[in-house]
Amino acid sequence: MAFVQLIEFESDRIDEFDALVDEWIQQSKEWRTATRSVRTKDRDRSGTYVQIVEFPSYEAAMENSNRPETTRFAERLRELCSGPPTFRNLEVERSDSL
């Protein structure tokens, strides 16, 4: 079953955040298990973003999360945030292409 993680965070350093994500995408291409990532901006709360990361399964997400490279990447991202991120771990029960 597919798995989605929502990560809400605040940052006034989004360009640096994106540059770090771009770096990670290149460095992790041989082993990462995430299949898609979308960063959204909250239109009502300035400086608030939600990163949506898709995985083929919860197990694949945990495999990715347990890698030391992912831990270091997440620590570097946190340094660019105004506070701790909020995580939502969601099993996909239905998905429709519209």
N, C-alpha and C. Protein backbone atom coordinates (compact mmCIF):
# COMPACT_ATOMS: atom_id res chain seq x y z
N MET A 1 0.85 -1.18 0.00
CA MET A 1 0.00 0.00 0.00
C MET A 1 0.89 1.24 0.00
N ALA A 2 0.57 2.21 -0.83
CA ALA A 2 1.35 3.44 -0.91
C ALA A 2 1.29 4.20 0.40
N PHE A 3 2.29 5.04 0.61
CA PHE A 3 2.45 5.79 1.84
C PHE A 3 2.86 7.21 1.51
N VAL A 4 2.29 8.18 2.21
CA VAL A 4 2.60 9.59 2.00
C VAL A 4 2.97 10.22 3.33
N GLN A 5 4.01 11.03 3.31
CA GLN A 5 4.39 11.77 4.51
C GLN A 5 4.23 13.26 4.21
N LEU A 6 3.50 13.95 5.08
CA LEU A 6 3.36 15.40 5.00
C LEU A 6 4.25 16.01 6.07
N ILE A 7 5.06 16.97 5.67
CA ILE A 7 5.97 17.63 6.60
C ILE A 7 5.69 19.12 6.53
N GLU A 8 5.09 19.66 7.59
CA GLU A 8 4.82 21.09 7.64
C GLU A 8 5.96 21.77 8.37
N PHE A 9 6.43 22.88 7.80
CA PHE A 9 7.54 23.60 8.42
C PHE A 9 7.45 25.08 8.09
N GLU A 10 8.17 25.88 8.86
CA GLU A 10 8.26 27.31 8.62
C GLU A 10 9.71 27.65 8.34
N SER A 11 9.92 28.55 7.37
CA SER A 11 11.28 28.95 7.04
C SER A 11 11.26 30.29 6.32
N ASP A 12 12.24 31.11 6.62
CA ASP A 12 12.46 32.33 5.85
C ASP A 12 13.71 32.18 4.98
N ARG A 13 14.15 30.91 4.83
CA ARG A 13 15.34 30.58 4.05
C ARG A 13 15.01 29.52 2.99
N ILE A 14 13.89 29.71 2.30
CA ILE A 14 13.39 28.67 1.40
C ILE A 14 14.31 28.42 0.22
N ASP A 15 15.02 29.43 -0.25
CA ASP A 15 15.96 29.21 -1.36
C ASP A 15 17.08 28.27 -0.93
N GLU A 16 17.59 28.44 0.28
CA GLU A 16 18.61 27.54 0.81
C GLU A 16 18.04 26.14 1.02
N PHE A 17 16.80 26.07 1.50
CA PHE A 17 16.11 24.81 1.70
C PHE A 17 16.03 24.05 0.37
N ASP A 18 15.57 24.75 -0.69
CA ASP A 18 15.45 24.12 -2.00
C ASP A 18 16.80 23.67 -2.54
N ALA A 19 17.83 24.46 -2.33
CA ALA A 19 19.17 24.09 -2.80
C ALA A 19 19.64 22.81 -2.11
N LEU A 20 19.35 22.69 -0.82
CA LEU A 20 19.72 21.49 -0.09
C LEU A 20 18.93 20.28 -0.58
N VAL A 21 17.65 20.46 -0.87
CA VAL A 21 16.84 19.37 -1.42
C VAL A 21 17.40 18.94 -2.78
N ASP A 22 17.76 19.90 -3.62
CA ASP A 22 18.34 19.57 -4.93
C ASP A 22 19.62 18.76 -4.77
N GLU A 23 20.45 19.15 -3.80
CA GLU A 23 21.70 18.43 -3.53
C GLU A 23 21.39 16.99 -3.10
N TRP A 24 20.42 16.83 -2.19
CA TRP A 24 20.05 15.51 -1.70
C TRP A 24 19.49 14.63 -2.82
N ILE A 25 18.69 15.22 -3.70
CA ILE A 25 18.12 14.44 -4.81
C ILE A 25 19.25 13.81 -5.64
N GLN A 26 20.29 14.57 -5.90
CA GLN A 26 21.41 14.05 -6.67
C GLN A 26 22.20 13.00 -5.88
N GLN A 27 22.44 13.27 -4.61
CA GLN A 27 23.26 12.36 -3.79
C GLN A 27 22.55 11.05 -3.47
N SER A 28 21.24 11.05 -3.44
CA SER A 28 20.48 9.87 -3.01
C SER A 28 19.88 9.07 -4.16
N LYS A 29 20.18 9.44 -5.38
CA LYS A 29 19.48 8.82 -6.52
C LYS A 29 19.69 7.32 -6.62
N GLU A 30 20.78 6.79 -6.09
CA GLU A 30 21.05 5.35 -6.17
C GLU A 30 20.31 4.53 -5.12
N TRP A 31 19.85 5.16 -4.04
CA TRP A 31 19.28 4.38 -2.94
C TRP A 31 17.96 4.90 -2.37
N ARG A 32 17.56 6.12 -2.67
CA ARG A 32 16.35 6.65 -2.02
C ARG A 32 15.12 5.85 -2.44
N THR A 33 14.16 5.79 -1.54
CA THR A 33 12.94 5.04 -1.81
C THR A 33 11.75 5.94 -2.08
N ALA A 34 11.88 7.24 -1.84
CA ALA A 34 10.80 8.18 -2.17
C ALA A 34 10.64 8.22 -3.68
N THR A 35 9.38 8.27 -4.13
CA THR A 35 9.12 8.28 -5.56
C THR A 35 8.69 9.65 -6.08
N ARG A 36 8.25 10.51 -5.18
CA ARG A 36 7.81 11.84 -5.60
C ARG A 36 7.83 12.76 -4.39
N SER A 37 8.13 14.03 -4.67
CA SER A 37 8.12 15.04 -3.62
C SER A 37 7.56 16.33 -4.19
N VAL A 38 6.67 16.96 -3.42
CA VAL A 38 6.07 18.23 -3.83
C VAL A 38 6.17 19.18 -2.63
N ARG A 39 6.70 20.39 -2.87
CA ARG A 39 6.71 21.40 -1.80
C ARG A 39 5.62 22.40 -2.11
N THR A 40 4.78 22.68 -1.12
CA THR A 40 3.70 23.64 -1.28
C THR A 40 3.91 24.81 -0.33
N LYS A 41 3.33 25.94 -0.67
CA LYS A 41 3.40 27.14 0.16
C LYS A 41 2.00 27.49 0.64
N ASP A 42 1.87 27.73 1.93
CA ASP A 42 0.58 28.10 2.50
C ASP A 42 0.27 29.55 2.11
N ARG A 43 -0.83 29.75 1.43
CA ARG A 43 -1.20 31.09 0.98
C ARG A 43 -1.67 31.98 2.11
N ASP A 44 -2.08 31.38 3.23
CA ASP A 44 -2.64 32.16 4.34
C ASP A 44 -1.65 32.41 5.47
N ARG A 45 -0.55 31.66 5.49
CA ARG A 45 0.43 31.81 6.57
C ARG A 45 1.81 31.99 5.94
N SER A 46 2.27 33.20 5.93
CA SER A 46 3.55 33.52 5.31
C SER A 46 4.69 32.70 5.93
N GLY A 47 5.53 32.18 5.07
CA GLY A 47 6.69 31.42 5.54
C GLY A 47 6.38 30.00 5.97
N THR A 48 5.15 29.53 5.71
CA THR A 48 4.75 28.17 6.09
C THR A 48 4.63 27.32 4.83
N TYR A 49 5.19 26.12 4.90
CA TYR A 49 5.24 25.21 3.76
C TYR A 49 4.84 23.81 4.18
N VAL A 50 4.38 23.01 3.21
CA VAL A 50 4.13 21.60 3.43
C VAL A 50 4.84 20.83 2.32
N GLN A 51 5.72 19.93 2.73
CA GLN A 51 6.41 19.04 1.80
C GLN A 51 5.63 17.72 1.79
N ILE A 52 5.26 17.26 0.60
CA ILE A 52 4.51 16.02 0.44
C ILE A 52 5.46 15.02 -0.22
N VAL A 53 5.75 13.93 0.49
CA VAL A 53 6.70 12.94 -0.01
C VAL A 53 5.98 11.60 -0.14
N GLU A 54 6.06 11.01 -1.34
CA GLU A 54 5.38 9.75 -1.63
C GLU A 54 6.37 8.60 -1.65
N PHE A 55 5.91 7.46 -1.12
CA PHE A 55 6.69 6.22 -1.09
C PHE A 55 5.81 5.08 -1.57
N PRO A 56 6.41 4.00 -2.08
CA PRO A 56 5.60 2.85 -2.50
C PRO A 56 4.94 2.13 -1.32
N SER A 57 5.51 2.27 -0.12
CA SER A 57 4.95 1.60 1.06
C SER A 57 5.52 2.24 2.33
N TYR A 58 4.89 1.94 3.45
CA TYR A 58 5.41 2.39 4.75
C TYR A 58 6.79 1.80 4.98
N GLU A 59 6.97 0.54 4.63
CA GLU A 59 8.26 -0.12 4.83
C GLU A 59 9.36 0.58 4.04
N ALA A 60 9.06 0.99 2.81
CA ALA A 60 10.05 1.71 2.00
C ALA A 60 10.37 3.07 2.62
N ALA A 61 9.37 3.73 3.19
CA ALA A 61 9.60 5.01 3.87
C ALA A 61 10.50 4.82 5.08
N MET A 62 10.28 3.76 5.84
CA MET A 62 11.10 3.51 7.02
C MET A 62 12.53 3.12 6.62
N GLU A 63 12.67 2.39 5.53
CA GLU A 63 14.00 2.06 5.02
C GLU A 63 14.75 3.36 4.70
N ASN A 64 14.07 4.29 4.06
CA ASN A 64 14.66 5.58 3.72
C ASN A 64 15.00 6.36 4.99
N SER A 65 14.06 6.42 5.94
CA SER A 65 14.26 7.20 7.16
C SER A 65 15.38 6.66 8.03
N ASN A 66 15.60 5.36 7.99
CA ASN A 66 16.61 4.75 8.85
C ASN A 66 18.04 4.88 8.31
N ARG A 67 18.20 5.41 7.14
CA ARG A 67 19.55 5.58 6.57
C ARG A 67 20.25 6.76 7.25
N PRO A 68 21.52 6.62 7.59
CA PRO A 68 22.25 7.73 8.21
C PRO A 68 22.31 8.96 7.31
N GLU A 69 22.32 8.76 6.00
CA GLU A 69 22.35 9.90 5.08
C GLU A 69 21.07 10.72 5.19
N THR A 70 19.95 10.05 5.36
CA THR A 70 18.67 10.75 5.51
C THR A 70 18.63 11.50 6.83
N THR A 71 19.16 10.90 7.88
CA THR A 71 19.21 11.57 9.18
C THR A 71 20.02 12.85 9.09
N ARG A 72 21.18 12.79 8.46
CA ARG A 72 22.02 13.99 8.31
C ARG A 72 21.31 15.05 7.46
N PHE A 73 20.65 14.62 6.39
CA PHE A 73 19.91 15.53 5.53
C PHE A 73 18.81 16.23 6.32
N ALA A 74 18.05 15.49 7.09
CA ALA A 74 16.96 16.06 7.89
C ALA A 74 17.49 17.06 8.92
N GLU A 75 18.63 16.76 9.52
CA GLU A 75 19.24 17.69 10.48
C GLU A 75 19.63 18.99 9.80
N ARG A 76 20.18 18.89 8.61
CA ARG A 76 20.57 20.10 7.87
C ARG A 76 19.34 20.92 7.49
N LEU A 77 18.25 20.24 7.10
CA LEU A 77 17.02 20.95 6.76
C LEU A 77 16.46 21.67 7.98
N ARG A 78 16.49 21.01 9.15
CA ARG A 78 15.96 21.63 10.38
C ARG A 78 16.67 22.93 10.70
N GLU A 79 17.95 23.02 10.37
CA GLU A 79 18.72 24.24 10.63
C GLU A 79 18.19 25.42 9.81
N LEU A 80 17.49 25.13 8.72
CA LEU A 80 16.95 26.18 7.86
C LEU A 80 15.50 26.53 8.21
N CYS A 81 14.95 25.88 9.22
CA CYS A 81 13.57 26.09 9.63
C CYS A 81 13.50 26.98 10.87
N SER A 82 12.37 27.66 11.02
CA SER A 82 12.15 28.55 12.15
C SER A 82 11.75 27.81 13.42
N GLY A 83 11.39 26.55 13.30
CA GLY A 83 10.98 25.73 14.44
C GLY A 83 10.95 24.28 14.00
N PRO A 84 10.57 23.38 14.90
CA PRO A 84 10.52 21.97 14.52
C PRO A 84 9.40 21.70 13.52
N PRO A 85 9.65 20.80 12.57
CA PRO A 85 8.61 20.44 11.61
C PRO A 85 7.55 19.55 12.25
N THR A 86 6.38 19.52 11.63
CA THR A 86 5.30 18.64 12.05
C THR A 86 5.13 17.57 10.97
N PHE A 87 5.09 16.31 11.38
CA PHE A 87 4.99 15.19 10.45
C PHE A 87 3.62 14.55 10.54
N ARG A 88 3.08 14.16 9.39
CA ARG A 88 1.87 13.35 9.30
C ARG A 88 2.21 12.16 8.43
N ASN A 89 1.99 10.97 8.94
CA ASN A 89 2.29 9.72 8.23
C ASN A 89 0.98 9.08 7.80
N LEU A 90 0.79 8.99 6.49
CA LEU A 90 -0.53 8.63 5.94
C LEU A 90 -0.45 7.43 5.00
N GLU A 91 -1.27 6.42 5.26
CA GLU A 91 -1.45 5.30 4.34
C GLU A 91 -2.41 5.76 3.25
N VAL A 92 -2.09 5.51 2.02
CA VAL A 92 -2.96 5.85 0.90
C VAL A 92 -4.02 4.77 0.78
N GLU A 93 -5.27 5.13 0.95
CA GLU A 93 -6.36 4.18 0.82
C GLU A 93 -7.06 4.28 -0.53
N ARG A 94 -6.95 5.46 -1.14
CA ARG A 94 -7.58 5.65 -2.45
C ARG A 94 -6.78 6.72 -3.19
N SER A 95 -6.58 6.48 -4.47
CA SER A 95 -5.89 7.43 -5.33
C SER A 95 -6.54 7.43 -6.69
N ASP A 96 -6.98 8.58 -7.16
CA ASP A 96 -7.65 8.70 -8.45
C ASP A 96 -6.88 9.67 -9.33
N SER A 97 -6.66 9.30 -10.58
CA SER A 97 -6.11 10.22 -11.55
C SER A 97 -7.28 10.97 -12.17
N LEU A 98 -7.24 12.28 -12.07
CA LEU A 98 -8.38 13.08 -12.56
C LEU A 98 -8.00 13.88 -13.79
